[in-house]
Amino acid sequence: MSARDDLLSIGTVAQRAGVSVAALRHYEERGLVEAVRDAGGRRRFPRHVLRRLAVVAAGQRVGLSLADIGEALATLPAGRPPTAREWARVGTRWQELLDTRIRELEALRTSLTGCIGCGCLSLTRCTLLNPHDTAATEGSGSRWLREATDDGGESTV
């Protein structure tokens, strides 16, 4: 059996991976998986794409963005299954991302507990109080919770 004969249809891959066909097309557009086209122009996927899709699902379950997942998958070979060493390299990088995410979540949990703990969501005691919108000078987006872990994990909020 040639490698070409070992290709799976988009429907088969979607069913085996537990994702919709639309999600699979989206992942292909984002570069997370790669398909070849048969003579009729239909997408065909190598079997090893199922492992990549399992990694996508695992990353999403732990809160990684598709961009984070895509960066990791971009370091892996597209035309063949990755080696154990290649997978381990991705795992090491994800451990760093998850450790950062855990610190951020712990800081958020601490801030929410302090805010909810007051019983009234008081603007005079809230740890995220921003009188006169002074945070606007620091840039766009919510910055204080993101910066809450800059000192090694302890909340500075």
Protein backbone atom coordinates (compact mmCIF):
# COMPACT_ATOMS: atom_id res chain seq x y z
CA MET A 1 0.00 0.00 0.00
CA SER A 2 1.45 3.37 -0.99
CA ALA A 3 1.41 6.43 1.25
CA ARG A 4 -1.16 7.96 -1.12
CA ASP A 5 -3.51 5.01 -0.44
CA ASP A 6 -3.19 5.62 3.31
CA LEU A 7 -4.85 9.05 3.13
CA LEU A 8 -8.13 9.65 4.94
CA SER A 9 -11.11 11.71 3.83
CA ILE A 10 -12.01 14.88 5.70
CA GLY A 11 -15.17 13.21 7.03
CA THR A 12 -13.24 10.22 8.35
CA VAL A 13 -10.64 12.43 10.03
CA ALA A 14 -13.31 14.66 11.56
CA GLN A 15 -15.21 11.66 12.90
CA ARG A 16 -12.10 9.93 14.26
CA ALA A 17 -10.81 13.13 15.88
CA GLY A 18 -14.18 14.10 17.33
CA VAL A 19 -14.33 17.48 15.57
CA SER A 20 -16.63 18.90 12.96
CA VAL A 21 -15.63 19.09 9.31
CA ALA A 22 -15.85 22.89 9.62
CA ALA A 23 -13.41 22.83 12.56
CA LEU A 24 -11.03 20.64 10.57
CA ARG A 25 -11.14 23.10 7.66
CA HIS A 26 -10.49 25.94 10.12
CA TYR A 27 -7.50 24.11 11.59
CA GLU A 28 -6.17 23.59 8.07
CA GLU A 29 -6.59 27.31 7.28
CA ARG A 30 -4.68 28.13 10.49
CA GLY A 31 -1.86 25.76 9.51
CA LEU A 32 -2.45 23.32 12.37
CA VAL A 33 -2.96 20.41 9.99
CA GLU A 34 -2.13 19.85 6.37
CA ALA A 35 -4.07 18.04 3.65
CA VAL A 36 -3.33 17.04 0.11
CA ARG A 37 -5.86 17.14 -2.71
CA ASP A 38 -6.83 14.10 -4.70
CA ALA A 39 -7.56 14.16 -8.44
CA GLY A 40 -11.10 15.33 -7.71
CA GLY A 41 -9.86 18.22 -5.54
CA ARG A 42 -11.03 16.61 -2.28
CA ARG A 43 -8.99 16.99 0.88
CA ARG A 44 -7.13 13.89 2.01
CA PHE A 45 -5.20 13.70 5.27
CA PRO A 46 -2.37 11.40 6.30
CA ARG A 47 -3.19 9.24 9.31
CA HIS A 48 -0.63 10.99 11.50
CA VAL A 49 -2.80 14.13 11.38
CA LEU A 50 -4.98 12.40 13.99
CA ARG A 51 -2.16 12.77 16.51
CA ARG A 52 -1.83 16.47 15.69
CA LEU A 53 -5.56 16.88 16.21
CA ALA A 54 -5.29 15.13 19.58
CA VAL A 55 -2.62 17.67 20.53
CA VAL A 56 -4.89 20.52 19.41
CA ALA A 57 -7.70 19.15 21.57
CA ALA A 58 -5.40 18.69 24.57
CA GLY A 59 -4.06 22.21 24.24
CA GLN A 60 -7.54 23.66 24.02
CA ARG A 61 -8.67 21.69 27.08
CA VAL A 62 -5.97 23.32 29.19
CA GLY A 63 -6.74 26.78 27.86
CA LEU A 64 -4.05 27.31 25.25
CA SER A 65 -5.00 29.47 22.32
CA LEU A 66 -4.92 28.18 18.77
CA ALA A 67 -2.01 30.59 18.23
CA ASP A 68 -0.04 28.90 21.07
CA ILE A 69 -0.92 25.48 19.71
CA GLY A 70 0.01 26.54 16.19
CA GLU A 71 3.42 27.80 17.34
CA ALA A 72 4.11 24.44 18.93
CA LEU A 73 2.92 22.44 15.95
CA ALA A 74 4.98 24.62 13.60
CA THR A 75 8.11 23.20 15.23
CA LEU A 76 7.07 19.67 14.28
CA PRO A 77 7.50 18.05 10.88
CA ALA A 78 4.40 18.31 8.71
CA GLY A 79 5.05 15.39 6.38
CA ARG A 80 5.64 12.62 8.91
CA PRO A 81 4.78 11.65 12.46
CA PRO A 82 7.00 13.45 15.00
CA THR A 83 9.60 11.53 16.98
CA ALA A 84 9.40 11.16 20.76
CA ARG A 85 12.13 13.79 21.11
CA GLU A 86 10.19 16.25 18.94
CA TRP A 87 7.03 15.71 21.03
CA ALA A 88 9.04 16.16 24.24
CA ARG A 89 10.30 19.54 23.02
CA VAL A 90 6.70 20.68 22.53
CA GLY A 91 5.81 19.36 25.99
CA THR A 92 8.60 21.36 27.60
CA ARG A 93 7.41 24.58 25.97
CA TRP A 94 3.81 23.89 26.96
CA GLN A 95 4.88 23.31 30.57
CA GLU A 96 6.29 26.85 30.59
CA LEU A 97 3.09 28.26 29.09
CA LEU A 98 0.94 26.35 31.57
CA ASP A 99 3.07 27.40 34.54
CA THR A 100 2.57 31.03 33.48
CA ARG A 101 -1.16 30.46 32.99
CA ILE A 102 -1.43 28.86 36.45
CA ARG A 103 0.26 31.88 38.06
CA GLU A 104 -2.13 34.19 36.21
CA LEU A 105 -5.16 32.15 37.30
CA GLU A 106 -3.97 32.11 40.91
CA ALA A 107 -3.55 35.90 40.85
CA LEU A 108 -7.02 36.26 39.37
CA ARG A 109 -8.49 33.91 41.98
CA THR A 110 -6.88 35.93 44.77
CA SER A 111 -8.18 39.18 43.34
CA LEU A 112 -11.67 37.81 42.89
CA THR A 113 -11.75 36.43 46.42
CA GLY A 114 -10.69 39.79 47.82
CA CYS A 115 -13.28 41.61 45.77
CA ILE A 116 -16.12 39.19 46.40
CA GLY A 117 -15.05 38.83 50.04
CA CYS A 118 -16.00 42.43 50.77
CA GLY A 119 -19.61 41.49 50.22
CA CYS A 120 -20.50 44.61 48.28
CA LEU A 121 -17.94 44.85 45.48
CA SER A 122 -16.98 48.15 47.10
CA LEU A 123 -15.11 50.52 44.86
CA THR A 124 -13.29 51.89 47.89
CA ARG A 125 -11.78 48.53 48.86
CA CYS A 126 -11.51 46.77 45.49
CA THR A 127 -7.98 45.61 44.66
CA LEU A 128 -8.55 46.67 41.08
CA LEU A 129 -9.67 50.20 41.92
CA ASN A 130 -8.73 52.53 39.09
CA PRO A 131 -9.67 56.05 40.19
CA HIS A 132 -9.76 58.64 37.40
CA ASP A 133 -8.81 55.87 34.93
CA THR A 134 -5.11 56.11 35.77
CA ALA A 135 -4.54 52.71 34.15
CA ALA A 136 -5.28 54.27 30.75
CA THR A 137 -1.75 55.69 30.73
CA GLU A 138 -0.33 52.15 30.87
CA GLY A 139 -1.83 51.02 27.55
CA SER A 140 -4.85 49.15 26.33
CA GLY A 141 -6.46 46.10 27.88
CA SER A 142 -6.62 44.83 31.43
CA ARG A 143 -3.05 45.19 32.58
CA TRP A 144 -3.05 44.88 36.35
CA LEU A 145 -4.05 41.22 36.52
CA ARG A 146 -1.56 40.33 33.79
CA GLU A 147 1.20 42.04 35.74
CA ALA A 148 0.13 40.44 39.02
CA THR A 149 2.59 37.57 38.62
CA ASP A 150 5.68 39.57 37.65
CA ASP A 151 7.29 38.94 41.05
CA GLY A 152 7.42 35.15 40.73
CA GLY A 153 3.84 34.20 41.32
CA GLU A 154 2.77 36.38 44.23
CA SER A 155 -0.15 38.65 43.50
CA THR A 156 0.81 42.32 43.37
CA VAL A 157 -2.73 43.44 42.81
